[in-house]
Amino acid sequence: MMTAKATSQATWEQDVLQAEGPVLVDFWAAWCGPCRMVAPVLDEIQSENPDKITILKLNVDENPDLAMKYQITSIPAMKVFQGGEVKTTIIGAKPKFALEQDLSAFLG
């Protein structure tokens, strides 16, 4: 079950740049195996930390302009935005404990 909401070029400004609190954007594609592996881990982190972080998914095939703007060269790539700025970038599928470590500043 996917709990992470999708975002797109049309909703980017409101969903990500104007959001209150940290927003992790998972840049992914349907054909990407590692992306499918990390998705349930991100869903778990989201469901365990609903008040601390918002997790959104952005399909890079459907939103190539945003992927280019944020220099997404390999996926899965995750960027945490806060106040409209990229605060941290995580590249590649990782186990939950490693992702939680990477996100500790936002989940703490």
C-alpha atoms as a PDB file:
ATOM      1  CA  MET A   1       0.000   0.000   0.000  1.00  0.00           C
ATOM      2  CA  MET A   2       1.425   3.327  -1.055  1.00  0.00           C
ATOM      3  CA  THR A   3       0.931   6.182   1.371  1.00  0.00           C
ATOM      4  CA  ALA A   4       3.261   8.680  -0.283  1.00  0.00           C
ATOM      5  CA  LYS A   5       1.326  11.187  -2.362  1.00  0.00           C
ATOM      6  CA  ALA A   6       2.337  11.995  -5.920  1.00  0.00           C
ATOM      7  CA  THR A   7       3.400  15.479  -6.909  1.00  0.00           C
ATOM      8  CA  SER A   8       3.943  16.924 -10.373  1.00  0.00           C
ATOM      9  CA  GLN A   9       5.011  20.043 -12.234  1.00  0.00           C
ATOM     10  CA  ALA A  10       1.454  21.367 -11.775  1.00  0.00           C
ATOM     11  CA  THR A  11       1.411  21.005  -7.969  1.00  0.00           C
ATOM     12  CA  TRP A  12       5.158  21.379  -7.239  1.00  0.00           C
ATOM     13  CA  GLU A  13       5.053  24.971  -6.010  1.00  0.00           C
ATOM     14  CA  GLN A  14       2.275  24.289  -3.500  1.00  0.00           C
ATOM     15  CA  ASP A  15       3.265  20.720  -2.522  1.00  0.00           C
ATOM     16  CA  VAL A  16       7.000  21.270  -2.110  1.00  0.00           C
ATOM     17  CA  LEU A  17       8.223  24.852  -2.259  1.00  0.00           C
ATOM     18  CA  GLN A  18       5.472  26.381  -0.098  1.00  0.00           C
ATOM     19  CA  ALA A  19       5.065  23.431   2.273  1.00  0.00           C
ATOM     20  CA  GLU A  20       5.329  23.891   6.003  1.00  0.00           C
ATOM     21  CA  GLY A  21       7.994  21.629   7.421  1.00  0.00           C
ATOM     22  CA  PRO A  22      10.348  19.274   5.609  1.00  0.00           C
ATOM     23  CA  VAL A  23       9.236  17.516   2.427  1.00  0.00           C
ATOM     24  CA  LEU A  24      11.124  14.518   1.054  1.00  0.00           C
ATOM     25  CA  VAL A  25      10.625  14.124  -2.694  1.00  0.00           C
ATOM     26  CA  ASP A  26      11.294  10.652  -4.068  1.00  0.00           C
ATOM     27  CA  PHE A  27      12.342  11.049  -7.715  1.00  0.00           C
ATOM     28  CA  TRP A  28      11.393   7.720  -9.301  1.00  0.00           C
ATOM     29  CA  ALA A  29      10.209   5.926 -12.454  1.00  0.00           C
ATOM     30  CA  ALA A  30       7.944   2.910 -12.977  1.00  0.00           C
ATOM     31  CA  TRP A  31      10.707   0.937 -14.749  1.00  0.00           C
ATOM     32  CA  CYS A  32      13.217   1.429 -11.901  1.00  0.00           C
ATOM     33  CA  GLY A  33      13.603  -1.696  -9.724  1.00  0.00           C
ATOM     34  CA  PRO A  34      15.464   0.004  -6.846  1.00  0.00           C
ATOM     35  CA  CYS A  35      12.748   2.711  -6.832  1.00  0.00           C
ATOM     36  CA  ARG A  36      10.113   0.038  -6.263  1.00  0.00           C
ATOM     37  CA  MET A  37      12.254  -1.443  -3.473  1.00  0.00           C
ATOM     38  CA  VAL A  38      12.618   1.857  -1.590  1.00  0.00           C
ATOM     39  CA  ALA A  39       8.950   2.921  -1.960  1.00  0.00           C
ATOM     40  CA  PRO A  40       7.545   0.735   0.872  1.00  0.00           C
ATOM     41  CA  VAL A  41      10.400   1.856   3.160  1.00  0.00           C
ATOM     42  CA  LEU A  42       9.514   5.498   2.508  1.00  0.00           C
ATOM     43  CA  ASP A  43       5.839   4.691   3.111  1.00  0.00           C
ATOM     44  CA  GLU A  44       6.792   3.187   6.477  1.00  0.00           C
ATOM     45  CA  ILE A  45       8.860   6.227   7.458  1.00  0.00           C
ATOM     46  CA  GLN A  46       5.952   8.484   6.429  1.00  0.00           C
ATOM     47  CA  SER A  47       3.378   6.521   8.422  1.00  0.00           C
ATOM     48  CA  GLU A  48       5.629   6.496  11.507  1.00  0.00           C
ATOM     49  CA  ASN A  49       6.449  10.234  11.284  1.00  0.00           C
ATOM     50  CA  PRO A  50       3.327  11.944   9.889  1.00  0.00           C
ATOM     51  CA  ASP A  51       3.896  15.140  11.900  1.00  0.00           C
ATOM     52  CA  LYS A  52       7.619  15.430  11.172  1.00  0.00           C
ATOM     53  CA  ILE A  53       8.039  14.967   7.422  1.00  0.00           C
ATOM     54  CA  THR A  54       5.926  14.782   4.285  1.00  0.00           C
ATOM     55  CA  ILE A  55       6.996  12.265   1.649  1.00  0.00           C
ATOM     56  CA  LEU A  56       6.009  12.862  -1.962  1.00  0.00           C
ATOM     57  CA  LYS A  57       6.808  10.973  -5.157  1.00  0.00           C
ATOM     58  CA  LEU A  58       7.729  12.588  -8.455  1.00  0.00           C
ATOM     59  CA  ASN A  59       7.737  10.454 -11.600  1.00  0.00           C
ATOM     60  CA  VAL A  60      10.773  11.664 -13.577  1.00  0.00           C
ATOM     61  CA  ASP A  61       9.405  10.313 -16.880  1.00  0.00           C
ATOM     62  CA  GLU A  62       6.245  12.403 -16.478  1.00  0.00           C
ATOM     63  CA  ASN A  63       8.079  15.486 -15.112  1.00  0.00           C
ATOM     64  CA  PRO A  64      11.404  15.727 -16.989  1.00  0.00           C
ATOM     65  CA  ASP A  65      11.717  19.497 -16.463  1.00  0.00           C
ATOM     66  CA  LEU A  66      11.768  19.139 -12.667  1.00  0.00           C
ATOM     67  CA  ALA A  67      14.169  16.190 -12.874  1.00  0.00           C
ATOM     68  CA  MET A  68      16.503  18.331 -14.973  1.00  0.00           C
ATOM     69  CA  LYS A  69      16.127  21.397 -12.743  1.00  0.00           C
ATOM     70  CA  TYR A  70      17.160  19.399  -9.664  1.00  0.00           C
ATOM     71  CA  GLN A  71      19.953  17.576 -11.537  1.00  0.00           C
ATOM     72  CA  ILE A  72      18.520  14.081 -11.139  1.00  0.00           C
ATOM     73  CA  THR A  73      20.985  11.885 -13.016  1.00  0.00           C
ATOM     74  CA  SER A  74      20.257   8.562 -11.346  1.00  0.00           C
ATOM     75  CA  ILE A  75      17.240   7.200  -9.508  1.00  0.00           C
ATOM     76  CA  PRO A  76      16.055   6.583  -6.944  1.00  0.00           C
ATOM     77  CA  ALA A  77      17.078  10.004  -5.725  1.00  0.00           C
ATOM     78  CA  MET A  78      15.498  11.706  -2.753  1.00  0.00           C
ATOM     79  CA  LYS A  79      15.775  15.367  -1.872  1.00  0.00           C
ATOM     80  CA  VAL A  80      14.545  16.961   1.329  1.00  0.00           C
ATOM     81  CA  PHE A  81      13.174  20.461   0.840  1.00  0.00           C
ATOM     82  CA  GLN A  82      12.571  22.932   3.628  1.00  0.00           C
ATOM     83  CA  GLY A  83      11.535  26.525   3.095  1.00  0.00           C
ATOM     84  CA  GLY A  84      11.661  25.956  -0.658  1.00  0.00           C
ATOM     85  CA  GLU A  85      15.328  24.915  -0.615  1.00  0.00           C
ATOM     86  CA  VAL A  86      17.061  21.558  -0.947  1.00  0.00           C
ATOM     87  CA  LYS A  87      18.483  20.698   2.474  1.00  0.00           C
ATOM     88  CA  THR A  88      19.800  17.202   1.767  1.00  0.00           C
ATOM     89  CA  THR A  89      20.073  14.691  -1.082  1.00  0.00           C
ATOM     90  CA  ILE A  90      20.001  10.901  -0.781  1.00  0.00           C
ATOM     91  CA  ILE A  91      20.963   8.802  -3.792  1.00  0.00           C
ATOM     92  CA  GLY A  92      20.077   5.138  -4.225  1.00  0.00           C
ATOM     93  CA  ALA A  93      17.913   2.604  -2.468  1.00  0.00           C
ATOM     94  CA  LYS A  94      18.913   2.114   1.153  1.00  0.00           C
ATOM     95  CA  PRO A  95      17.579   0.042   4.047  1.00  0.00           C
ATOM     96  CA  LYS A  96      15.222   1.766   6.465  1.00  0.00           C
ATOM     97  CA  PHE A  97      17.787   2.329   9.244  1.00  0.00           C
ATOM     98  CA  ALA A  98      20.157   4.044   6.783  1.00  0.00           C
ATOM     99  CA  LEU A  99      17.398   6.283   5.434  1.00  0.00           C
ATOM    100  CA  GLU A 100      16.320   7.158   8.973  1.00  0.00           C
ATOM    101  CA  GLN A 101      19.941   8.058   9.761  1.00  0.00           C
ATOM    102  CA  ASP A 102      20.095  10.287   6.670  1.00  0.00           C
ATOM    103  CA  LEU A 103      16.827  11.917   7.750  1.00  0.00           C
ATOM    104  CA  SER A 104      17.617  12.151  11.475  1.00  0.00           C
ATOM    105  CA  ALA A 105      17.880  15.946  11.381  1.00  0.00           C
ATOM    106  CA  PHE A 106      14.261  16.090  10.169  1.00  0.00           C
ATOM    107  CA  LEU A 107      12.829  13.150  12.131  1.00  0.00           C
ATOM    108  CA  GLY A 108      14.579  13.950  15.428  1.00  0.00           C
END
